[in-house]
Structure formats: C-alpha cells, structure tokens
Amino acid sequence: MINHLVEIFNDSELIDKIKTRLPYLFQIAEMESSRAGKVGMELI
C-alpha cells in the first residue's frame, strides 16, 4: 500500500491533473454544501 502511494506521488502527470482540477472540485463542493449563504450541514 505504501509503495502504491509513493508511485502516485512520484507521477508528475497525475500530480499536474490533480493540481488543475482540485480548485474546481472544491468550488463544486462549496456550491453543493451551501444553503442560503450558510456553509455546511444543519444539525437538527
């Protein structure tokens, strides 16, 4: 398992893909989790 993680972090092409898509994924997550200006889930 550790060797697999080392391979992932040494793959520069994969790292570049993650770097370009990560801000977009965070933007989607923020939009999906916000409700009327509130971020996160409501606790009932």
C-alpha atoms as a PDB file:
ATOM      1  CA  MET A   1       0.000   0.000   0.000  1.00  0.00           C
ATOM      2  CA  ILE A   2       2.768   2.446   0.907  1.00  0.00           C
ATOM      3  CA  ASN A   3       4.613   1.630  -2.323  1.00  0.00           C
ATOM      4  CA  HIS A   4       1.460   2.400  -4.294  1.00  0.00           C
ATOM      5  CA  LEU A   5       1.183   5.812  -2.609  1.00  0.00           C
ATOM      6  CA  VAL A   6       4.831   6.543  -3.385  1.00  0.00           C
ATOM      7  CA  GLU A   7       4.170   5.741  -7.051  1.00  0.00           C
ATOM      8  CA  ILE A   8       1.198   8.112  -7.117  1.00  0.00           C
ATOM      9  CA  PHE A   9       3.150  10.991  -5.589  1.00  0.00           C
ATOM     10  CA  ASN A  10       6.053  10.441  -7.983  1.00  0.00           C
ATOM     11  CA  ASP A  11       3.810  10.536 -11.076  1.00  0.00           C
ATOM     12  CA  SER A  12       4.214  14.126 -12.296  1.00  0.00           C
ATOM     13  CA  GLU A  13       1.486  13.811 -14.942  1.00  0.00           C
ATOM     14  CA  LEU A  14      -1.059  12.715 -12.329  1.00  0.00           C
ATOM     15  CA  ILE A  15       0.043  15.487  -9.960  1.00  0.00           C
ATOM     16  CA  ASP A  16      -0.488  18.082 -12.708  1.00  0.00           C
ATOM     17  CA  LYS A  17      -4.003  16.769 -13.373  1.00  0.00           C
ATOM     18  CA  ILE A  18      -4.855  16.962  -9.681  1.00  0.00           C
ATOM     19  CA  LYS A  19      -3.462  20.492  -9.383  1.00  0.00           C
ATOM     20  CA  THR A  20      -5.585  21.753 -12.263  1.00  0.00           C
ATOM     21  CA  ARG A  21      -8.828  20.056 -11.174  1.00  0.00           C
ATOM     22  CA  LEU A  22      -8.669  20.438  -7.398  1.00  0.00           C
ATOM     23  CA  PRO A  23      -9.799  24.098  -7.234  1.00  0.00           C
ATOM     24  CA  TYR A  24     -12.773  23.239  -9.451  1.00  0.00           C
ATOM     25  CA  LEU A  25     -13.711  20.295  -7.222  1.00  0.00           C
ATOM     26  CA  PHE A  26     -13.556  22.496  -4.124  1.00  0.00           C
ATOM     27  CA  GLN A  27     -15.771  25.054  -5.864  1.00  0.00           C
ATOM     28  CA  ILE A  28     -18.358  22.372  -6.663  1.00  0.00           C
ATOM     29  CA  ALA A  29     -18.237  21.048  -3.097  1.00  0.00           C
ATOM     30  CA  GLU A  30     -18.760  24.547  -1.705  1.00  0.00           C
ATOM     31  CA  MET A  31     -21.708  25.208  -4.014  1.00  0.00           C
ATOM     32  CA  GLU A  32     -23.317  21.880  -3.155  1.00  0.00           C
ATOM     33  CA  SER A  33     -22.916  22.336   0.589  1.00  0.00           C
ATOM     34  CA  SER A  34     -24.104  25.950   0.875  1.00  0.00           C
ATOM     35  CA  ARG A  35     -27.720  26.704   1.695  1.00  0.00           C
ATOM     36  CA  ALA A  36     -28.940  30.325   1.743  1.00  0.00           C
ATOM     37  CA  GLY A  37     -25.465  31.619   2.448  1.00  0.00           C
ATOM     38  CA  LYS A  38     -24.764  29.015   5.117  1.00  0.00           C
ATOM     39  CA  VAL A  39     -21.998  26.526   4.509  1.00  0.00           C
ATOM     40  CA  GLY A  40     -22.189  23.004   5.880  1.00  0.00           C
ATOM     41  CA  MET A  41     -24.962  20.814   7.183  1.00  0.00           C
ATOM     42  CA  GLU A  42     -27.664  21.844   9.606  1.00  0.00           C
ATOM     43  CA  LEU A  43     -27.915  19.914  12.815  1.00  0.00           C
ATOM     44  CA  ILE A  44     -31.467  19.165  13.864  1.00  0.00           C
END
